[in-house]
Amino acid sequence: MAAFGAKDVQTLRQSTGVGMLDAKRALEACDGDMERAVVWLREQGLASHAKRSDREASEGAVAVGRSGSVASIVQLRSETDFVAKSEAFVSLAQELADLVAAKGVDAVDERSEQLDHLKTTLKENISVGRVVRIEAPAGGSVDAYLHLQQGRGVNAVVVALDGGSEELAHDVATHIAFARPTYVRRDQVPEDEVAAERETVERIARNEGKPEAALPKIVEGRLNGWYRERVLVDQAYVKDEKRTIAQLLGPATVVEFAQVVVGD
C-alpha cells in the first residue's frame, strides 16, 4: 500500500469537498493514488459534496456555553432551516459552544470530524460561523441570553460586567438581543461616522426650512436619537423605557458584549 499523509488527505478534501474521514477512506482504498481516490469518491456518491461547498449557508443555529466566569457563543451555519432544526445539528452547535467556553475558541477544531460527517449525512454546506468567548473581569460577572425558535437558538448575546451580578448581566443581554446596539459608549463610535451623520442631519434640517438659529439644537437632538439607536448605555431599557441602560447598570459597567444572530 502506498504511503500517504495528512497533507494528501487535506489536498483530496479541498479538491472534492468531502470530509476528512471520507478522504482518508478513499486514499486507503486506492493505495494513496490521488486520481483514483477522486474517482472512487465519485463512484461512492461522495464527491458531489464539492458542489455543496459553494452554496450559501445563510441559515443555521447559535448556541451559548458557560464555564465558570466564561460564556461563549458558537454559530453553526447551514443552507436550510430544516437542517438547522435537526437534533444532530442543534446538538453539535451546543457541544461546540460548551467546548469553546471550557477550552477556548480553537476548541471547535476538535469536532472537525463530526462536522464533516454532518455535511455528508445531511447533504448540505455546513460550517462554523462566528465563535465568541468572553470572560468576566475579576470581581465582575458574565451571563447570556439565547432566543429560541422552533428548538434552535437564533439570537445569542453574551455580556461581561465590571461589578454587578449575573442577574444584571442577563437583563442587559436580554435587552441587547432585541435592541441590537453596536457600541457600549459614545466614545467608541468612529469620529468619521459621527461627522457624516452630523452633516446629514444638518442638511436635512436646512432642507426642511428650519431657522438658522435653531439648527444647532435641532442637529444635536437628532444626533442624540442616532446615538440611541447604536449606543447601549444611551438606550431605553426594553423592560422599562423610563430608564436607560446606564441607569439600570448603576455603578456597574459593561466591559464587553457580543451578539450573533442567524442570518446576519
C-alpha atoms as a PDB file:
ATOM      1  CA  MET A   1       0.000   0.000   0.000  1.00  0.00           C
ATOM      2  CA  ALA A   2       1.369   3.386  -0.989  1.00  0.00           C
ATOM      3  CA  ALA A   3       2.007   5.763   1.876  1.00  0.00           C
ATOM      4  CA  PHE A   4       0.034   8.970   2.228  1.00  0.00           C
ATOM      5  CA  GLY A   5      -0.076  11.630   4.899  1.00  0.00           C
ATOM      6  CA  ALA A   6      -2.284  14.321   6.369  1.00  0.00           C
ATOM      7  CA  LYS A   7      -1.297  16.706   3.585  1.00  0.00           C
ATOM      8  CA  ASP A   8      -2.617  14.263   0.964  1.00  0.00           C
ATOM      9  CA  VAL A   9      -5.880  13.911   2.876  1.00  0.00           C
ATOM     10  CA  GLN A  10      -6.212  17.703   3.014  1.00  0.00           C
ATOM     11  CA  THR A  11      -5.489  18.036  -0.715  1.00  0.00           C
ATOM     12  CA  LEU A  12      -8.164  15.473  -1.553  1.00  0.00           C
ATOM     13  CA  ARG A  13     -10.645  17.214   0.765  1.00  0.00           C
ATOM     14  CA  GLN A  14     -10.053  20.554  -0.940  1.00  0.00           C
ATOM     15  CA  SER A  15     -10.364  19.150  -4.453  1.00  0.00           C
ATOM     16  CA  THR A  16     -13.534  17.153  -3.816  1.00  0.00           C
ATOM     17  CA  GLY A  17     -15.232  18.878  -0.878  1.00  0.00           C
ATOM     18  CA  VAL A  18     -15.632  15.655   1.100  1.00  0.00           C
ATOM     19  CA  GLY A  19     -14.995  15.244   4.808  1.00  0.00           C
ATOM     20  CA  MET A  20     -11.698  14.168   6.340  1.00  0.00           C
ATOM     21  CA  LEU A  21     -12.804  10.620   7.111  1.00  0.00           C
ATOM     22  CA  ASP A  22     -14.128  10.044   3.593  1.00  0.00           C
ATOM     23  CA  ALA A  23     -10.921  11.433   2.064  1.00  0.00           C
ATOM     24  CA  LYS A  24      -8.844   9.092   4.226  1.00  0.00           C
ATOM     25  CA  ARG A  25     -11.029   6.110   3.321  1.00  0.00           C
ATOM     26  CA  ALA A  26     -10.684   6.912  -0.386  1.00  0.00           C
ATOM     27  CA  LEU A  27      -6.900   7.103  -0.223  1.00  0.00           C
ATOM     28  CA  GLU A  28      -6.747   3.843   1.731  1.00  0.00           C
ATOM     29  CA  ALA A  29      -8.989   2.131  -0.829  1.00  0.00           C
ATOM     30  CA  CYS A  30      -6.842   3.410  -3.711  1.00  0.00           C
ATOM     31  CA  ASP A  31      -3.368   2.806  -2.224  1.00  0.00           C
ATOM     32  CA  GLY A  32      -2.733   6.536  -1.884  1.00  0.00           C
ATOM     33  CA  ASP A  33      -3.363   7.256  -5.579  1.00  0.00           C
ATOM     34  CA  MET A  34      -4.947  10.711  -5.673  1.00  0.00           C
ATOM     35  CA  GLU A  35      -6.597  10.423  -9.103  1.00  0.00           C
ATOM     36  CA  ARG A  36      -8.090   7.017  -8.347  1.00  0.00           C
ATOM     37  CA  ALA A  37      -9.300   8.328  -4.992  1.00  0.00           C
ATOM     38  CA  VAL A  38     -11.236  11.124  -6.717  1.00  0.00           C
ATOM     39  CA  VAL A  39     -12.904   8.579  -8.995  1.00  0.00           C
ATOM     40  CA  TRP A  40     -13.622   6.298  -6.022  1.00  0.00           C
ATOM     41  CA  LEU A  41     -15.350   9.152  -4.188  1.00  0.00           C
ATOM     42  CA  ARG A  42     -17.468   9.940  -7.237  1.00  0.00           C
ATOM     43  CA  GLU A  43     -18.459   6.303  -7.533  1.00  0.00           C
ATOM     44  CA  GLN A  44     -19.491   6.314  -3.861  1.00  0.00           C
ATOM     45  CA  GLY A  45     -21.605   9.416  -4.446  1.00  0.00           C
ATOM     46  CA  LEU A  46     -19.500  11.440  -2.025  1.00  0.00           C
ATOM     47  CA  ALA A  47     -17.644  13.877  -4.250  1.00  0.00           C
ATOM     48  CA  SER A  48     -20.905  15.653  -5.049  1.00  0.00           C
ATOM     49  CA  HIS A  49     -20.363  17.403  -1.733  1.00  0.00           C
ATOM     50  CA  ALA A  50     -17.883  19.636  -3.561  1.00  0.00           C
ATOM     51  CA  LYS A  51     -20.836  21.311  -5.230  1.00  0.00           C
ATOM     52  CA  ARG A  52     -22.496  21.856  -1.878  1.00  0.00           C
ATOM     53  CA  SER A  53     -19.474  23.733  -0.530  1.00  0.00           C
ATOM     54  CA  ASP A  54     -20.203  26.567  -2.969  1.00  0.00           C
ATOM     55  CA  ARG A  55     -23.810  27.001  -1.852  1.00  0.00           C
ATOM     56  CA  GLU A  56     -24.648  29.784   0.539  1.00  0.00           C
ATOM     57  CA  ALA A  57     -25.072  28.796   4.163  1.00  0.00           C
ATOM     58  CA  SER A  58     -27.396  31.569   5.324  1.00  0.00           C
ATOM     59  CA  GLU A  59     -29.398  29.535   7.845  1.00  0.00           C
ATOM     60  CA  GLY A  60     -28.222  27.738  10.953  1.00  0.00           C
ATOM     61  CA  ALA A  61     -28.282  27.904  14.728  1.00  0.00           C
ATOM     62  CA  VAL A  62     -26.450  29.626  17.558  1.00  0.00           C
ATOM     63  CA  ALA A  63     -25.665  28.121  20.945  1.00  0.00           C
ATOM     64  CA  VAL A  64     -24.407  29.527  24.242  1.00  0.00           C
ATOM     65  CA  GLY A  65     -21.881  27.815  26.510  1.00  0.00           C
ATOM     66  CA  ARG A  66     -20.903  28.544  30.115  1.00  0.00           C
ATOM     67  CA  SER A  67     -17.885  27.575  32.186  1.00  0.00           C
ATOM     68  CA  GLY A  68     -17.357  29.457  35.419  1.00  0.00           C
ATOM     69  CA  SER A  69     -16.694  33.110  34.661  1.00  0.00           C
ATOM     70  CA  VAL A  70     -16.655  32.468  30.912  1.00  0.00           C
ATOM     71  CA  ALA A  71     -19.507  32.481  28.387  1.00  0.00           C
ATOM     72  CA  SER A  72     -19.354  31.648  24.704  1.00  0.00           C
ATOM     73  CA  ILE A  73     -21.358  31.740  21.504  1.00  0.00           C
ATOM     74  CA  VAL A  74     -20.900  29.442  18.525  1.00  0.00           C
ATOM     75  CA  GLN A  75     -22.721  29.902  15.239  1.00  0.00           C
ATOM     76  CA  LEU A  76     -23.226  26.812  13.091  1.00  0.00           C
ATOM     77  CA  ARG A  77     -24.311  27.585   9.531  1.00  0.00           C
ATOM     78  CA  SER A  78     -26.482  25.599   7.150  1.00  0.00           C
ATOM     79  CA  GLU A  79     -28.341  26.171   3.908  1.00  0.00           C
ATOM     80  CA  THR A  80     -31.865  25.445   5.162  1.00  0.00           C
ATOM     81  CA  ASP A  81     -33.771  25.887   8.390  1.00  0.00           C
ATOM     82  CA  PHE A  82     -34.913  22.263   8.025  1.00  0.00           C
ATOM     83  CA  VAL A  83     -31.362  21.068   8.650  1.00  0.00           C
ATOM     84  CA  ALA A  84     -30.742  23.812  11.245  1.00  0.00           C
ATOM     85  CA  LYS A  85     -33.639  22.487  13.350  1.00  0.00           C
ATOM     86  CA  SER A  86     -32.463  18.867  13.237  1.00  0.00           C
ATOM     87  CA  GLU A  87     -31.424  17.284  16.521  1.00  0.00           C
ATOM     88  CA  ALA A  88     -27.932  16.395  15.308  1.00  0.00           C
ATOM     89  CA  PHE A  89     -27.279  19.948  14.100  1.00  0.00           C
ATOM     90  CA  VAL A  90     -28.523  21.657  17.275  1.00  0.00           C
ATOM     91  CA  SER A  91     -26.644  19.155  19.412  1.00  0.00           C
ATOM     92  CA  LEU A  92     -23.346  19.809  17.632  1.00  0.00           C
ATOM     93  CA  ALA A  93     -23.803  23.588  17.946  1.00  0.00           C
ATOM     94  CA  GLN A  94     -24.273  23.211  21.707  1.00  0.00           C
ATOM     95  CA  GLU A  95     -21.328  20.849  22.022  1.00  0.00           C
ATOM     96  CA  LEU A  96     -19.092  23.350  20.225  1.00  0.00           C
ATOM     97  CA  ALA A  97     -20.270  26.219  22.441  1.00  0.00           C
ATOM     98  CA  ASP A  98     -19.543  24.212  25.591  1.00  0.00           C
ATOM     99  CA  LEU A  99     -16.083  23.315  24.294  1.00  0.00           C
ATOM    100  CA  VAL A 100     -15.245  26.931  23.491  1.00  0.00           C
ATOM    101  CA  ALA A 101     -16.340  28.087  26.948  1.00  0.00           C
ATOM    102  CA  ALA A 102     -14.226  25.420  28.625  1.00  0.00           C
ATOM    103  CA  LYS A 103     -11.123  25.438  26.421  1.00  0.00           C
ATOM    104  CA  GLY A 104     -11.008  28.443  24.073  1.00  0.00           C
ATOM    105  CA  VAL A 105     -12.056  29.421  20.561  1.00  0.00           C
ATOM    106  CA  ASP A 106      -9.713  26.932  18.869  1.00  0.00           C
ATOM    107  CA  ALA A 107     -11.510  24.042  20.550  1.00  0.00           C
ATOM    108  CA  VAL A 108     -14.012  23.946  17.659  1.00  0.00           C
ATOM    109  CA  ASP A 109     -11.308  22.156  15.662  1.00  0.00           C
ATOM    110  CA  GLU A 110     -11.696  19.156  17.974  1.00  0.00           C
ATOM    111  CA  ARG A 111     -15.031  18.402  16.339  1.00  0.00           C
ATOM    112  CA  SER A 112     -13.958  18.726  12.700  1.00  0.00           C
ATOM    113  CA  GLU A 113     -14.657  15.044  12.051  1.00  0.00           C
ATOM    114  CA  GLN A 114     -18.185  15.363  13.418  1.00  0.00           C
ATOM    115  CA  LEU A 115     -18.725  18.439  11.282  1.00  0.00           C
ATOM    116  CA  ASP A 116     -17.532  16.614   8.176  1.00  0.00           C
ATOM    117  CA  HIS A 117     -19.789  13.674   8.990  1.00  0.00           C
ATOM    118  CA  LEU A 118     -22.765  16.023   9.373  1.00  0.00           C
ATOM    119  CA  LYS A 119     -22.066  17.574   5.981  1.00  0.00           C
ATOM    120  CA  THR A 120     -22.190  14.153   4.387  1.00  0.00           C
ATOM    121  CA  THR A 121     -25.223  12.779   6.217  1.00  0.00           C
ATOM    122  CA  LEU A 122     -27.340  15.934   5.902  1.00  0.00           C
ATOM    123  CA  LYS A 123     -26.092  16.702   2.374  1.00  0.00           C
ATOM    124  CA  GLU A 124     -25.699  20.439   2.950  1.00  0.00           C
ATOM    125  CA  ASN A 125     -22.949  23.019   3.149  1.00  0.00           C
ATOM    126  CA  ILE A 126     -22.443  23.219   6.912  1.00  0.00           C
ATOM    127  CA  SER A 127     -19.755  25.358   8.512  1.00  0.00           C
ATOM    128  CA  VAL A 128     -18.777  27.069  11.737  1.00  0.00           C
ATOM    129  CA  GLY A 129     -19.541  30.795  11.633  1.00  0.00           C
ATOM    130  CA  ARG A 130     -18.747  33.266  14.396  1.00  0.00           C
ATOM    131  CA  VAL A 131     -17.105  31.983  17.555  1.00  0.00           C
ATOM    132  CA  VAL A 132     -17.136  34.247  20.627  1.00  0.00           C
ATOM    133  CA  ARG A 133     -15.616  33.735  24.068  1.00  0.00           C
ATOM    134  CA  ILE A 134     -15.952  36.380  26.789  1.00  0.00           C
ATOM    135  CA  GLU A 135     -14.557  36.202  30.305  1.00  0.00           C
ATOM    136  CA  ALA A 136     -15.730  38.322  33.209  1.00  0.00           C
ATOM    137  CA  PRO A 137     -13.096  40.552  34.833  1.00  0.00           C
ATOM    138  CA  ALA A 138     -12.023  39.916  38.419  1.00  0.00           C
ATOM    139  CA  GLY A 139     -14.943  40.846  40.658  1.00  0.00           C
ATOM    140  CA  GLY A 140     -17.238  41.097  37.651  1.00  0.00           C
ATOM    141  CA  SER A 141     -19.932  38.901  36.182  1.00  0.00           C
ATOM    142  CA  VAL A 142     -20.914  37.349  32.881  1.00  0.00           C
ATOM    143  CA  ASP A 143     -24.181  35.989  31.565  1.00  0.00           C
ATOM    144  CA  ALA A 144     -26.020  35.329  28.337  1.00  0.00           C
ATOM    145  CA  TYR A 145     -29.384  35.291  26.619  1.00  0.00           C
ATOM    146  CA  LEU A 146     -30.468  32.861  23.921  1.00  0.00           C
ATOM    147  CA  HIS A 147     -33.647  33.339  21.916  1.00  0.00           C
ATOM    148  CA  LEU A 148     -35.043  30.029  20.698  1.00  0.00           C
ATOM    149  CA  GLN A 149     -37.156  29.444  17.627  1.00  0.00           C
ATOM    150  CA  GLN A 150     -38.544  26.004  16.859  1.00  0.00           C
ATOM    151  CA  GLY A 151     -35.974  24.299  19.035  1.00  0.00           C
ATOM    152  CA  ARG A 152     -32.838  26.085  17.832  1.00  0.00           C
ATOM    153  CA  GLY A 153     -31.051  29.214  19.017  1.00  0.00           C
ATOM    154  CA  VAL A 154     -31.414  32.110  16.567  1.00  0.00           C
ATOM    155  CA  ASN A 155     -30.263  35.143  18.585  1.00  0.00           C
ATOM    156  CA  ALA A 156     -27.463  34.871  21.158  1.00  0.00           C
ATOM    157  CA  VAL A 157     -25.926  37.541  23.374  1.00  0.00           C
ATOM    158  CA  VAL A 158     -23.107  37.391  25.921  1.00  0.00           C
ATOM    159  CA  VAL A 159     -22.335  40.272  28.301  1.00  0.00           C
ATOM    160  CA  ALA A 160     -19.464  40.806  30.727  1.00  0.00           C
ATOM    161  CA  LEU A 161     -19.823  43.381  33.504  1.00  0.00           C
ATOM    162  CA  ASP A 162     -17.326  45.016  35.806  1.00  0.00           C
ATOM    163  CA  GLY A 163     -19.324  44.897  39.017  1.00  0.00           C
ATOM    164  CA  GLY A 164     -22.979  43.976  39.095  1.00  0.00           C
ATOM    165  CA  SER A 165     -24.458  40.496  39.231  1.00  0.00           C
ATOM    166  CA  GLU A 166     -25.203  37.656  36.840  1.00  0.00           C
ATOM    167  CA  GLU A 167     -28.851  38.661  37.023  1.00  0.00           C
ATOM    168  CA  LEU A 168     -27.968  42.189  35.887  1.00  0.00           C
ATOM    169  CA  ALA A 169     -25.749  40.818  33.116  1.00  0.00           C
ATOM    170  CA  HIS A 170     -28.662  38.641  31.984  1.00  0.00           C
ATOM    171  CA  ASP A 171     -31.043  41.624  31.951  1.00  0.00           C
ATOM    172  CA  VAL A 172     -28.595  43.605  29.820  1.00  0.00           C
ATOM    173  CA  ALA A 173     -28.085  40.638  27.490  1.00  0.00           C
ATOM    174  CA  THR A 174     -31.853  40.290  27.041  1.00  0.00           C
ATOM    175  CA  HIS A 175     -32.085  43.989  26.187  1.00  0.00           C
ATOM    176  CA  ILE A 176     -29.271  43.734  23.638  1.00  0.00           C
ATOM    177  CA  ALA A 177     -30.971  40.786  21.937  1.00  0.00           C
ATOM    178  CA  PHE A 178     -33.910  42.993  20.970  1.00  0.00           C
ATOM    179  CA  ALA A 179     -32.369  46.493  20.809  1.00  0.00           C
ATOM    180  CA  ARG A 180     -29.248  45.402  18.878  1.00  0.00           C
ATOM    181  CA  PRO A 181     -26.781  48.152  19.827  1.00  0.00           C
ATOM    182  CA  THR A 182     -23.409  48.293  18.104  1.00  0.00           C
ATOM    183  CA  TYR A 183     -21.321  50.077  20.719  1.00  0.00           C
ATOM    184  CA  VAL A 184     -21.245  50.277  24.512  1.00  0.00           C
ATOM    185  CA  ARG A 185     -20.431  54.008  24.802  1.00  0.00           C
ATOM    186  CA  ARG A 186     -20.451  57.057  22.553  1.00  0.00           C
ATOM    187  CA  ASP A 187     -16.677  57.362  22.578  1.00  0.00           C
ATOM    188  CA  GLN A 188     -16.486  54.024  20.764  1.00  0.00           C
ATOM    189  CA  VAL A 189     -18.379  55.326  17.724  1.00  0.00           C
ATOM    190  CA  PRO A 190     -15.868  56.237  14.975  1.00  0.00           C
ATOM    191  CA  GLU A 191     -15.474  60.006  14.606  1.00  0.00           C
ATOM    192  CA  ASP A 192     -15.948  59.904  10.839  1.00  0.00           C
ATOM    193  CA  GLU A 193     -19.350  58.231  11.284  1.00  0.00           C
ATOM    194  CA  VAL A 194     -20.422  60.910  13.753  1.00  0.00           C
ATOM    195  CA  ALA A 195     -19.195  63.719  11.495  1.00  0.00           C
ATOM    196  CA  ALA A 196     -21.004  62.253   8.489  1.00  0.00           C
ATOM    197  CA  GLU A 197     -24.266  61.879  10.424  1.00  0.00           C
ATOM    198  CA  ARG A 198     -23.987  65.409  11.834  1.00  0.00           C
ATOM    199  CA  GLU A 199     -23.561  66.765   8.320  1.00  0.00           C
ATOM    200  CA  THR A 200     -26.532  64.738   7.065  1.00  0.00           C
ATOM    201  CA  VAL A 201     -28.971  65.805   9.790  1.00  0.00           C
ATOM    202  CA  GLU A 202     -27.917  69.438   9.403  1.00  0.00           C
ATOM    203  CA  ARG A 203     -28.561  69.258   5.659  1.00  0.00           C
ATOM    204  CA  ILE A 204     -31.969  67.669   6.296  1.00  0.00           C
ATOM    205  CA  ALA A 205     -32.874  70.416   8.770  1.00  0.00           C
ATOM    206  CA  ARG A 206     -31.878  73.125   6.279  1.00  0.00           C
ATOM    207  CA  ASN A 207     -33.899  71.451   3.522  1.00  0.00           C
ATOM    208  CA  GLU A 208     -36.876  71.447   5.877  1.00  0.00           C
ATOM    209  CA  GLY A 209     -36.550  75.199   6.197  1.00  0.00           C
ATOM    210  CA  LYS A 210     -35.640  75.212   9.876  1.00  0.00           C
ATOM    211  CA  PRO A 211     -34.491  78.627  11.231  1.00  0.00           C
ATOM    212  CA  GLU A 212     -30.731  79.101  11.182  1.00  0.00           C
ATOM    213  CA  ALA A 213     -30.659  79.997  14.869  1.00  0.00           C
ATOM    214  CA  ALA A 214     -32.422  76.739  15.773  1.00  0.00           C
ATOM    215  CA  LEU A 215     -30.138  74.473  13.730  1.00  0.00           C
ATOM    216  CA  PRO A 216     -27.559  73.643  16.450  1.00  0.00           C
ATOM    217  CA  LYS A 217     -30.241  72.456  18.895  1.00  0.00           C
ATOM    218  CA  ILE A 218     -32.114  70.529  16.183  1.00  0.00           C
ATOM    219  CA  VAL A 219     -28.919  68.857  14.965  1.00  0.00           C
ATOM    220  CA  GLU A 220     -27.894  67.828  18.486  1.00  0.00           C
ATOM    221  CA  GLY A 221     -31.368  66.447  19.190  1.00  0.00           C
ATOM    222  CA  ARG A 222     -31.360  64.310  16.065  1.00  0.00           C
ATOM    223  CA  LEU A 223     -27.793  63.217  16.666  1.00  0.00           C
ATOM    224  CA  ASN A 224     -28.774  62.077  20.162  1.00  0.00           C
ATOM    225  CA  GLY A 225     -31.528  59.982  18.612  1.00  0.00           C
ATOM    226  CA  TRP A 226     -28.988  58.490  16.205  1.00  0.00           C
ATOM    227  CA  TYR A 227     -26.726  57.614  19.145  1.00  0.00           C
ATOM    228  CA  ARG A 228     -29.589  55.913  20.979  1.00  0.00           C
ATOM    229  CA  GLU A 229     -30.018  53.527  18.060  1.00  0.00           C
ATOM    230  CA  ARG A 230     -26.375  52.437  18.308  1.00  0.00           C
ATOM    231  CA  VAL A 231     -25.028  53.034  21.806  1.00  0.00           C
ATOM    232  CA  LEU A 232     -26.040  50.592  24.526  1.00  0.00           C
ATOM    233  CA  VAL A 233     -25.862  52.820  27.604  1.00  0.00           C
ATOM    234  CA  ASP A 234     -27.948  55.524  25.873  1.00  0.00           C
ATOM    235  CA  GLN A 235     -30.795  53.174  25.019  1.00  0.00           C
ATOM    236  CA  ALA A 236     -34.072  52.963  26.908  1.00  0.00           C
ATOM    237  CA  TYR A 237     -34.293  49.632  28.714  1.00  0.00           C
ATOM    238  CA  VAL A 238     -36.711  47.381  26.820  1.00  0.00           C
ATOM    239  CA  LYS A 239     -38.434  46.211  30.017  1.00  0.00           C
ATOM    240  CA  ASP A 240     -38.768  49.722  31.460  1.00  0.00           C
ATOM    241  CA  GLU A 241     -38.435  52.515  28.920  1.00  0.00           C
ATOM    242  CA  LYS A 242     -38.412  55.136  31.678  1.00  0.00           C
ATOM    243  CA  ARG A 243     -34.871  54.024  32.481  1.00  0.00           C
ATOM    244  CA  THR A 244     -31.778  53.989  30.304  1.00  0.00           C
ATOM    245  CA  ILE A 245     -29.322  51.106  30.355  1.00  0.00           C
ATOM    246  CA  ALA A 246     -26.864  53.434  32.104  1.00  0.00           C
ATOM    247  CA  GLN A 247     -29.408  53.883  34.895  1.00  0.00           C
ATOM    248  CA  LEU A 248     -30.098  50.148  35.008  1.00  0.00           C
ATOM    249  CA  LEU A 249     -26.371  49.440  35.375  1.00  0.00           C
ATOM    250  CA  GLY A 250     -25.817  51.889  38.212  1.00  0.00           C
ATOM    251  CA  PRO A 251     -22.168  51.630  39.324  1.00  0.00           C
ATOM    252  CA  ALA A 252     -21.567  48.552  37.137  1.00  0.00           C
ATOM    253  CA  THR A 253     -20.104  48.935  33.652  1.00  0.00           C
ATOM    254  CA  VAL A 254     -20.316  46.828  30.507  1.00  0.00           C
ATOM    255  CA  VAL A 255     -16.818  45.624  29.696  1.00  0.00           C
ATOM    256  CA  GLU A 256     -17.739  43.723  26.565  1.00  0.00           C
ATOM    257  CA  PHE A 257     -20.686  42.224  24.741  1.00  0.00           C
ATOM    258  CA  ALA A 258     -21.265  40.161  21.633  1.00  0.00           C
ATOM    259  CA  GLN A 259     -24.392  39.351  19.665  1.00  0.00           C
ATOM    260  CA  VAL A 260     -24.722  36.656  16.992  1.00  0.00           C
ATOM    261  CA  VAL A 261     -27.963  36.326  15.026  1.00  0.00           C
ATOM    262  CA  VAL A 262     -28.792  33.647  12.473  1.00  0.00           C
ATOM    263  CA  GLY A 263     -28.940  35.198   9.006  1.00  0.00           C
ATOM    264  CA  ASP A 264     -26.883  38.277   9.835  1.00  0.00           C
END
